[in-house]
PDB file of N, CA and C in Angstrom:
ATOM      1  N   SER A   1     -45.326 -27.157   5.942  1.00  0.00           N
ATOM      2  CA  SER A   1     -44.687 -28.441   6.168  1.00  0.00           C
ATOM      3  C   SER A   1     -45.584 -29.602   5.741  1.00  0.00           C
ATOM      4  N   ASP A   2     -46.558 -29.333   4.877  1.00  0.00           N
ATOM      5  CA  ASP A   2     -47.466 -30.372   4.385  1.00  0.00           C
ATOM      6  C   ASP A   2     -47.137 -30.670   2.926  1.00  0.00           C
ATOM      7  N   ARG A   3     -46.369 -31.739   2.715  1.00  0.00           N
ATOM      8  CA  ARG A   3     -45.906 -32.098   1.370  1.00  0.00           C
ATOM      9  C   ARG A   3     -47.072 -32.281   0.404  1.00  0.00           C
ATOM     10  N   ASN A   4     -48.126 -32.958   0.849  1.00  0.00           N
ATOM     11  CA  ASN A   4     -49.268 -33.206  -0.034  1.00  0.00           C
ATOM     12  C   ASN A   4     -49.961 -31.917  -0.446  1.00  0.00           C
ATOM     13  N   ALA A   5     -50.108 -30.982   0.475  1.00  0.00           N
ATOM     14  CA  ALA A   5     -50.739 -29.699   0.147  1.00  0.00           C
ATOM     15  C   ALA A   5     -49.891 -28.936  -0.860  1.00  0.00           C
ATOM     16  N   LEU A   6     -48.587 -28.975  -0.697  1.00  0.00           N
ATOM     17  CA  LEU A   6     -47.702 -28.306  -1.657  1.00  0.00           C
ATOM     18  C   LEU A   6     -47.853 -28.925  -3.045  1.00  0.00           C
ATOM     19  N   ARG A   7     -47.836 -30.243  -3.106  1.00  0.00           N
ATOM     20  CA  ARG A   7     -47.992 -30.937  -4.397  1.00  0.00           C
ATOM     21  C   ARG A   7     -49.349 -30.630  -5.032  1.00  0.00           C
ATOM     22  N   GLN A   8     -50.408 -30.731  -4.238  1.00  0.00           N
ATOM     23  CA  GLN A   8     -51.762 -30.513  -4.762  1.00  0.00           C
ATOM     24  C   GLN A   8     -51.942 -29.112  -5.328  1.00  0.00           C
ATOM     25  N   ASN A   9     -51.196 -28.147  -4.806  1.00  0.00           N
ATOM     26  CA  ASN A   9     -51.304 -26.772  -5.274  1.00  0.00           C
ATOM     27  C   ASN A   9     -50.257 -26.416  -6.316  1.00  0.00           C
ATOM     28  N   GLY A  10     -49.495 -27.403  -6.762  1.00  0.00           N
ATOM     29  CA  GLY A  10     -48.532 -27.182  -7.829  1.00  0.00           C
ATOM     30  C   GLY A  10     -47.311 -26.379  -7.430  1.00  0.00           C
ATOM     31  N   ILE A  11     -47.010 -26.319  -6.145  1.00  0.00           N
ATOM     32  CA  ILE A  11     -45.865 -25.542  -5.665  1.00  0.00           C
ATOM     33  C   ILE A  11     -44.570 -26.207  -6.132  1.00  0.00           C
ATOM     34  N   THR A  12     -43.678 -25.411  -6.689  1.00  0.00           N
ATOM     35  CA  THR A  12     -42.365 -25.900  -7.115  1.00  0.00           C
ATOM     36  C   THR A  12     -41.241 -25.233  -6.332  1.00  0.00           C
ATOM     37  N   HIS A  13     -41.515 -24.045  -5.800  1.00  0.00           N
ATOM     38  CA  HIS A  13     -40.519 -23.239  -5.104  1.00  0.00           C
ATOM     39  C   HIS A  13     -41.117 -22.697  -3.805  1.00  0.00           C
ATOM     40  N   VAL A  14     -40.279 -22.596  -2.776  1.00  0.00           N
ATOM     41  CA  VAL A  14     -40.734 -22.093  -1.485  1.00  0.00           C
ATOM     42  C   VAL A  14     -39.779 -21.002  -1.017  1.00  0.00           C
ATOM     43  N   ILE A  15     -40.345 -19.861  -0.652  1.00  0.00           N
ATOM     44  CA  ILE A  15     -39.567 -18.767  -0.084  1.00  0.00           C
ATOM     45  C   ILE A  15     -39.851 -18.763   1.414  1.00  0.00           C
ATOM     46  N   ASN A  16     -38.845 -19.127   2.182  1.00  0.00           N
ATOM     47  CA  ASN A  16     -38.954 -19.216   3.626  1.00  0.00           C
ATOM     48  C   ASN A  16     -38.399 -17.928   4.234  1.00  0.00           C
ATOM     49  N   CYS A  17     -39.282 -17.043   4.634  1.00  0.00           N
ATOM     50  CA  CYS A  17     -38.881 -15.746   5.207  1.00  0.00           C
ATOM     51  C   CYS A  17     -38.580 -15.841   6.688  1.00  0.00           C
ATOM     52  N   ALA A  18     -38.687 -17.024   7.250  1.00  0.00           N
ATOM     53  CA  ALA A  18     -38.455 -17.233   8.680  1.00  0.00           C
ATOM     54  C   ALA A  18     -37.364 -18.271   8.899  1.00  0.00           C
ATOM     55  N   GLY A  19     -36.312 -18.170   8.129  1.00  0.00           N
ATOM     56  CA  GLY A  19     -35.244 -19.154   8.180  1.00  0.00           C
ATOM     57  C   GLY A  19     -34.581 -19.305   9.531  1.00  0.00           C
ATOM     58  N   LEU A  20     -34.691 -18.309  10.381  1.00  0.00           N
ATOM     59  CA  LEU A  20     -34.096 -18.410  11.717  1.00  0.00           C
ATOM     60  C   LEU A  20     -34.914 -19.295  12.646  1.00  0.00           C
ATOM     61  N   THR A  21     -36.202 -19.465  12.360  1.00  0.00           N
ATOM     62  CA  THR A  21     -37.061 -20.274  13.228  1.00  0.00           C
ATOM     63  C   THR A  21     -37.712 -21.453  12.531  1.00  0.00           C
ATOM     64  N   CYS A  22     -37.738 -21.467  11.203  1.00  0.00           N
ATOM     65  CA  CYS A  22     -38.358 -22.552  10.437  1.00  0.00           C
ATOM     66  C   CYS A  22     -37.327 -23.177   9.503  1.00  0.00           C
ATOM     67  N   ASP A  23     -37.193 -24.483   9.595  1.00  0.00           N
ATOM     68  CA  ASP A  23     -36.313 -25.181   8.661  1.00  0.00           C
ATOM     69  C   ASP A  23     -37.050 -25.452   7.363  1.00  0.00           C
ATOM     70  N   ASN A  24     -36.306 -25.627   6.275  1.00  0.00           N
ATOM     71  CA  ASN A  24     -36.890 -26.040   5.006  1.00  0.00           C
ATOM     72  C   ASN A  24     -37.238 -27.516   5.125  1.00  0.00           C
ATOM     73  N   SER A  25     -38.454 -27.874   4.785  1.00  0.00           N
ATOM     74  CA  SER A  25     -38.945 -29.224   5.049  1.00  0.00           C
ATOM     75  C   SER A  25     -38.589 -30.264   3.992  1.00  0.00           C
ATOM     76  N   PHE A  26     -38.730 -29.953   2.736  1.00  0.00           N
ATOM     77  CA  PHE A  26     -38.618 -30.965   1.684  1.00  0.00           C
ATOM     78  C   PHE A  26     -37.627 -30.529   0.611  1.00  0.00           C
ATOM     79  N   THR A  27     -36.379 -30.358   0.992  1.00  0.00           N
ATOM     80  CA  THR A  27     -35.356 -29.843   0.076  1.00  0.00           C
ATOM     81  C   THR A  27     -35.079 -30.787  -1.086  1.00  0.00           C
ATOM     82  N   ASP A  28     -35.479 -32.039  -0.963  1.00  0.00           N
ATOM     83  CA  ASP A  28     -35.291 -33.001  -2.043  1.00  0.00           C
ATOM     84  C   ASP A  28     -36.318 -32.833  -3.157  1.00  0.00           C
ATOM     85  N   GLU A  29     -37.404 -32.140  -2.867  1.00  0.00           N
ATOM     86  CA  GLU A  29     -38.503 -32.047  -3.821  1.00  0.00           C
ATOM     87  C   GLU A  29     -38.815 -30.634  -4.310  1.00  0.00           C
ATOM     88  N   PHE A  30     -38.544 -29.636  -3.487  1.00  0.00           N
ATOM     89  CA  PHE A  30     -38.862 -28.254  -3.837  1.00  0.00           C
ATOM     90  C   PHE A  30     -37.603 -27.406  -3.765  1.00  0.00           C
ATOM     91  N   GLN A  31     -37.560 -26.348  -4.564  1.00  0.00           N
ATOM     92  CA  GLN A  31     -36.445 -25.410  -4.484  1.00  0.00           C
ATOM     93  C   GLN A  31     -36.791 -24.352  -3.437  1.00  0.00           C
ATOM     94  N   TYR A  32     -35.805 -24.020  -2.623  1.00  0.00           N
ATOM     95  CA  TYR A  32     -36.022 -23.093  -1.521  1.00  0.00           C
ATOM     96  C   TYR A  32     -35.135 -21.863  -1.630  1.00  0.00           C
ATOM     97  N   LEU A  33     -35.701 -20.748  -1.194  1.00  0.00           N
ATOM     98  CA  LEU A  33     -34.943 -19.541  -0.902  1.00  0.00           C
ATOM     99  C   LEU A  33     -35.171 -19.299   0.588  1.00  0.00           C
ATOM    100  N   LYS A  34     -34.127 -19.474   1.373  1.00  0.00           N
ATOM    101  CA  LYS A  34     -34.244 -19.325   2.822  1.00  0.00           C
ATOM    102  C   LYS A  34     -33.664 -17.979   3.233  1.00  0.00           C
ATOM    103  N   LEU A  35     -34.505 -17.160   3.840  1.00  0.00           N
ATOM    104  CA  LEU A  35     -34.094 -15.838   4.313  1.00  0.00           C
ATOM    105  C   LEU A  35     -34.073 -15.850   5.832  1.00  0.00           C
ATOM    106  N   ASN A  36     -32.922 -15.578   6.394  1.00  0.00           N
ATOM    107  CA  ASN A  36     -32.770 -15.569   7.851  1.00  0.00           C
ATOM    108  C   ASN A  36     -33.134 -14.195   8.394  1.00  0.00           C
ATOM    109  N   LEU A  37     -34.423 -13.972   8.516  1.00  0.00           N
ATOM    110  CA  LEU A  37     -34.938 -12.679   8.958  1.00  0.00           C
ATOM    111  C   LEU A  37     -35.565 -12.791  10.338  1.00  0.00           C
ATOM    112  N   TYR A  38     -35.380 -11.748  11.123  1.00  0.00           N
ATOM    113  CA  TYR A  38     -36.046 -11.653  12.417  1.00  0.00           C
ATOM    114  C   TYR A  38     -37.429 -11.055  12.228  1.00  0.00           C
ATOM    115  N   ASP A  39     -38.370 -11.463  13.056  1.00  0.00           N
ATOM    116  CA  ASP A  39     -39.709 -10.882  13.033  1.00  0.00           C
ATOM    117  C   ASP A  39     -39.682  -9.647  13.927  1.00  0.00           C
ATOM    118  N   SER A  40     -39.180  -8.558  13.343  1.00  0.00           N
ATOM    119  CA  SER A  40     -38.961  -7.344  14.114  1.00  0.00           C
ATOM    120  C   SER A  40     -39.196  -6.129  13.225  1.00  0.00           C
ATOM    121  N   ARG A  41     -39.685  -5.069  13.807  1.00  0.00           N
ATOM    122  CA  ARG A  41     -39.881  -3.826  13.053  1.00  0.00           C
ATOM    123  C   ARG A  41     -38.564  -3.262  12.553  1.00  0.00           C
ATOM    124  N   GLU A  42     -37.486  -3.599  13.225  1.00  0.00           N
ATOM    125  CA  GLU A  42     -36.180  -3.077  12.841  1.00  0.00           C
ATOM    126  C   GLU A  42     -35.529  -3.869  11.707  1.00  0.00           C
ATOM    127  N   GLU A  43     -36.076  -5.022  11.356  1.00  0.00           N
ATOM    128  CA  GLU A  43     -35.506  -5.852  10.283  1.00  0.00           C
ATOM    129  C   GLU A  43     -35.731  -5.175   8.940  1.00  0.00           C
ATOM    130  N   ASP A  44     -34.655  -4.956   8.203  1.00  0.00           N
ATOM    131  CA  ASP A  44     -34.728  -4.280   6.907  1.00  0.00           C
ATOM    132  C   ASP A  44     -34.829  -5.324   5.796  1.00  0.00           C
ATOM    133  N   VAL A  45     -36.047  -5.583   5.342  1.00  0.00           N
ATOM    134  CA  VAL A  45     -36.265  -6.606   4.315  1.00  0.00           C
ATOM    135  C   VAL A  45     -35.924  -6.102   2.917  1.00  0.00           C
ATOM    136  N   ALA A  46     -35.707  -4.802   2.782  1.00  0.00           N
ATOM    137  CA  ALA A  46     -35.426  -4.225   1.461  1.00  0.00           C
ATOM    138  C   ALA A  46     -34.200  -4.859   0.797  1.00  0.00           C
ATOM    139  N   TRP A  47     -33.248  -5.325   1.610  1.00  0.00           N
ATOM    140  CA  TRP A  47     -32.041  -5.940   1.067  1.00  0.00           C
ATOM    141  C   TRP A  47     -32.346  -7.183   0.232  1.00  0.00           C
ATOM    142  N   PHE A  48     -33.497  -7.816   0.465  1.00  0.00           N
ATOM    143  CA  PHE A  48     -33.802  -9.098  -0.157  1.00  0.00           C
ATOM    144  C   PHE A  48     -34.872  -9.022  -1.242  1.00  0.00           C
ATOM    145  N   VAL A  49     -35.424  -7.847  -1.480  1.00  0.00           N
ATOM    146  CA  VAL A  49     -36.545  -7.722  -2.419  1.00  0.00           C
ATOM    147  C   VAL A  49     -36.190  -8.257  -3.807  1.00  0.00           C
ATOM    148  N   TYR A  50     -35.053  -7.881  -4.345  1.00  0.00           N
ATOM    149  CA  TYR A  50     -34.707  -8.316  -5.698  1.00  0.00           C
ATOM    150  C   TYR A  50     -34.426  -9.812  -5.760  1.00  0.00           C
ATOM    151  N   ASP A  51     -33.856 -10.383  -4.709  1.00  0.00           N
ATOM    152  CA  ASP A  51     -33.640 -11.832  -4.668  1.00  0.00           C
ATOM    153  C   ASP A  51     -34.974 -12.568  -4.689  1.00  0.00           C
ATOM    154  N   VAL A  52     -35.936 -12.078  -3.932  1.00  0.00           N
ATOM    155  CA  VAL A  52     -37.258 -12.700  -3.875  1.00  0.00           C
ATOM    156  C   VAL A  52     -37.959 -12.579  -5.224  1.00  0.00           C
ATOM    157  N   ILE A  53     -37.906 -11.411  -5.829  1.00  0.00           N
ATOM    158  CA  ILE A  53     -38.541 -11.224  -7.137  1.00  0.00           C
ATOM    159  C   ILE A  53     -37.922 -12.157  -8.173  1.00  0.00           C
ATOM    160  N   ASP A  54     -36.609 -12.253  -8.193  1.00  0.00           N
ATOM    161  CA  ASP A  54     -35.934 -13.152  -9.138  1.00  0.00           C
ATOM    162  C   ASP A  54     -36.327 -14.605  -8.896  1.00  0.00           C
ATOM    163  N   PHE A  55     -36.430 -14.994  -7.640  1.00  0.00           N
ATOM    164  CA  PHE A  55     -36.789 -16.365  -7.295  1.00  0.00           C
ATOM    165  C   PHE A  55     -38.224 -16.675  -7.729  1.00  0.00           C
ATOM    166  N   ILE A  56     -39.138 -15.741  -7.506  1.00  0.00           N
ATOM    167  CA  ILE A  56     -40.529 -15.933  -7.932  1.00  0.00           C
ATOM    168  C   ILE A  56     -40.611 -16.048  -9.450  1.00  0.00           C
ATOM    169  N   GLU A  57     -39.889 -15.202 -10.149  1.00  0.00           N
ATOM    170  CA  GLU A  57     -39.895 -15.265 -11.613  1.00  0.00           C
ATOM    171  C   GLU A  57     -39.325 -16.596 -12.116  1.00  0.00           C
ATOM    172  N   ALA A  58     -38.269 -17.083 -11.474  1.00  0.00           N
ATOM    173  CA  ALA A  58     -37.703 -18.390 -11.844  1.00  0.00           C
ATOM    174  C   ALA A  58     -38.725 -19.498 -11.598  1.00  0.00           C
ATOM    175  N   ALA A  59     -39.454 -19.388 -10.499  1.00  0.00           N
ATOM    176  CA  ALA A  59     -40.493 -20.379 -10.197  1.00  0.00           C
ATOM    177  C   ALA A  59     -41.574 -20.370 -11.270  1.00  0.00           C
ATOM    178  N   ARG A  60     -42.026 -19.201 -11.635  1.00  0.00           N
ATOM    179  CA  ARG A  60     -43.101 -19.078 -12.630  1.00  0.00           C
ATOM    180  C   ARG A  60     -42.687 -19.621 -13.984  1.00  0.00           C
ATOM    181  N   GLN A  61     -41.406 -19.549 -14.304  1.00  0.00           N
ATOM    182  CA  GLN A  61     -40.922 -20.034 -15.592  1.00  0.00           C
ATOM    183  C   GLN A  61     -40.590 -21.526 -15.577  1.00  0.00           C
ATOM    184  N   SER A  62     -40.513 -22.125 -14.382  1.00  0.00           N
ATOM    185  CA  SER A  62     -40.199 -23.552 -14.302  1.00  0.00           C
ATOM    186  C   SER A  62     -41.409 -24.377 -14.740  1.00  0.00           C
ATOM    187  N   ARG A  63     -41.152 -25.635 -15.028  1.00  0.00           N
ATOM    188  CA  ARG A  63     -42.202 -26.560 -15.503  1.00  0.00           C
ATOM    189  C   ARG A  63     -42.950 -25.990 -16.704  1.00  0.00           C
ATOM    190  N   GLY A  64     -42.213 -25.428 -17.618  1.00  0.00           N
ATOM    191  CA  GLY A  64     -42.839 -24.891 -18.820  1.00  0.00           C
ATOM    192  C   GLY A  64     -43.798 -23.753 -18.561  1.00  0.00           C
ATOM    193  N   GLY A  65     -43.499 -22.958 -17.565  1.00  0.00           N
ATOM    194  CA  GLY A  65     -44.363 -21.821 -17.235  1.00  0.00           C
ATOM    195  C   GLY A  65     -45.463 -22.159 -16.257  1.00  0.00           C
ATOM    196  N   GLU A  66     -45.442 -23.357 -15.704  1.00  0.00           N
ATOM    197  CA  GLU A  66     -46.492 -23.787 -14.776  1.00  0.00           C
ATOM    198  C   GLU A  66     -46.043 -23.825 -13.317  1.00  0.00           C
ATOM    199  N   GLY A  67     -44.813 -23.397 -13.028  1.00  0.00           N
ATOM    200  CA  GLY A  67     -44.313 -23.436 -11.656  1.00  0.00           C
ATOM    201  C   GLY A  67     -44.991 -22.397 -10.777  1.00  0.00           C
ATOM    202  N   LYS A  68     -44.993 -22.685  -9.485  1.00  0.00           N
ATOM    203  CA  LYS A  68     -45.612 -21.779  -8.514  1.00  0.00           C
ATOM    204  C   LYS A  68     -44.730 -21.657  -7.284  1.00  0.00           C
ATOM    205  N   ALA A  69     -44.736 -20.478  -6.677  1.00  0.00           N
ATOM    206  CA  ALA A  69     -43.957 -20.230  -5.468  1.00  0.00           C
ATOM    207  C   ALA A  69     -44.887 -20.014  -4.278  1.00  0.00           C
ATOM    208  N   LEU A  70     -44.492 -20.584  -3.168  1.00  0.00           N
ATOM    209  CA  LEU A  70     -45.154 -20.325  -1.889  1.00  0.00           C
ATOM    210  C   LEU A  70     -44.237 -19.419  -1.085  1.00  0.00           C
ATOM    211  N   LEU A  71     -44.795 -18.357  -0.578  1.00  0.00           N
ATOM    212  CA  LEU A  71     -44.055 -17.365   0.203  1.00  0.00           C
ATOM    213  C   LEU A  71     -44.591 -17.426   1.628  1.00  0.00           C
ATOM    214  N   HIS A  72     -43.724 -17.722   2.607  1.00  0.00           N
ATOM    215  CA  HIS A  72     -44.226 -17.836   3.979  1.00  0.00           C
ATOM    216  C   HIS A  72     -43.239 -17.309   5.008  1.00  0.00           C
ATOM    217  N   CYS A  73     -43.800 -16.937   6.153  1.00  0.00           N
ATOM    218  CA  CYS A  73     -43.015 -16.665   7.354  1.00  0.00           C
ATOM    219  C   CYS A  73     -43.698 -17.445   8.474  1.00  0.00           C
ATOM    220  N   VAL A  74     -43.715 -16.957   9.678  1.00  0.00           N
ATOM    221  CA  VAL A  74     -44.337 -17.718  10.763  1.00  0.00           C
ATOM    222  C   VAL A  74     -45.808 -17.330  10.930  1.00  0.00           C
ATOM    223  N   GLN A  75     -46.077 -16.037  11.062  1.00  0.00           N
ATOM    224  CA  GLN A  75     -47.449 -15.601  11.288  1.00  0.00           C
ATOM    225  C   GLN A  75     -48.099 -15.010  10.044  1.00  0.00           C
ATOM    226  N   GLY A  76     -47.323 -14.694   9.023  1.00  0.00           N
ATOM    227  CA  GLY A  76     -47.885 -14.160   7.788  1.00  0.00           C
ATOM    228  C   GLY A  76     -48.404 -12.740   7.893  1.00  0.00           C
ATOM    229  N   VAL A  77     -47.813 -11.946   8.770  1.00  0.00           N
ATOM    230  CA  VAL A  77     -48.307 -10.577   8.941  1.00  0.00           C
ATOM    231  C   VAL A  77     -47.262  -9.507   8.651  1.00  0.00           C
ATOM    232  N   SER A  78     -46.037  -9.895   8.384  1.00  0.00           N
ATOM    233  CA  SER A  78     -45.041  -8.847   8.123  1.00  0.00           C
ATOM    234  C   SER A  78     -44.075  -9.227   7.021  1.00  0.00           C
ATOM    235  N   ARG A  79     -43.169 -10.157   7.274  1.00  0.00           N
ATOM    236  CA  ARG A  79     -42.106 -10.448   6.309  1.00  0.00           C
ATOM    237  C   ARG A  79     -42.637 -10.939   4.977  1.00  0.00           C
ATOM    238  N   SER A  80     -43.409 -12.003   4.991  1.00  0.00           N
ATOM    239  CA  SER A  80     -43.901 -12.550   3.727  1.00  0.00           C
ATOM    240  C   SER A  80     -44.841 -11.566   3.031  1.00  0.00           C
ATOM    241  N   CYS A  81     -45.641 -10.855   3.792  1.00  0.00           N
ATOM    242  CA  CYS A  81     -46.558  -9.868   3.214  1.00  0.00           C
ATOM    243  C   CYS A  81     -45.780  -8.749   2.532  1.00  0.00           C
ATOM    244  N   ALA A  82     -44.712  -8.297   3.150  1.00  0.00           N
ATOM    245  CA  ALA A  82     -43.904  -7.222   2.566  1.00  0.00           C
ATOM    246  C   ALA A  82     -43.352  -7.651   1.212  1.00  0.00           C
ATOM    247  N   PHE A  83     -42.883  -8.896   1.109  1.00  0.00           N
ATOM    248  CA  PHE A  83     -42.342  -9.375  -0.170  1.00  0.00           C
ATOM    249  C   PHE A  83     -43.454  -9.582  -1.200  1.00  0.00           C
ATOM    250  N   ALA A  84     -44.598 -10.043  -0.781  1.00  0.00           N
ATOM    251  CA  ALA A  84     -45.720 -10.208  -1.714  1.00  0.00           C
ATOM    252  C   ALA A  84     -46.146  -8.854  -2.278  1.00  0.00           C
ATOM    253  N   ILE A  85     -46.200  -7.855  -1.438  1.00  0.00           N
ATOM    254  CA  ILE A  85     -46.555  -6.516  -1.878  1.00  0.00           C
ATOM    255  C   ILE A  85     -45.482  -5.960  -2.819  1.00  0.00           C
ATOM    256  N   ALA A  86     -44.227  -6.181  -2.475  1.00  0.00           N
ATOM    257  CA  ALA A  86     -43.125  -5.696  -3.330  1.00  0.00           C
ATOM    258  C   ALA A  86     -43.166  -6.345  -4.705  1.00  0.00           C
ATOM    259  N   TYR A  87     -43.510  -7.621  -4.751  1.00  0.00           N
ATOM    260  CA  TYR A  87     -43.591  -8.311  -6.031  1.00  0.00           C
ATOM    261  C   TYR A  87     -44.735  -7.776  -6.866  1.00  0.00           C
TER     262      TYR A  87
END
């Protein structure tokens, strides 16, 4: 939720893996993929792997190949990590 940090790091796209508990902060400036996932061992993230990969690839190709994606959840120990590993 730090606009300046996102800008300074060249972020163009944000993957919000905690859409049920975290709102997208700056929808006017960044492109978002909001995933309404529970932080639970029973949550099957496999359904979203290809959407996340496509979104990351779109981010990388934006701004003439200079775009960047930020992938986050709440604690960074399950949902976002699973997608980073899958990518």
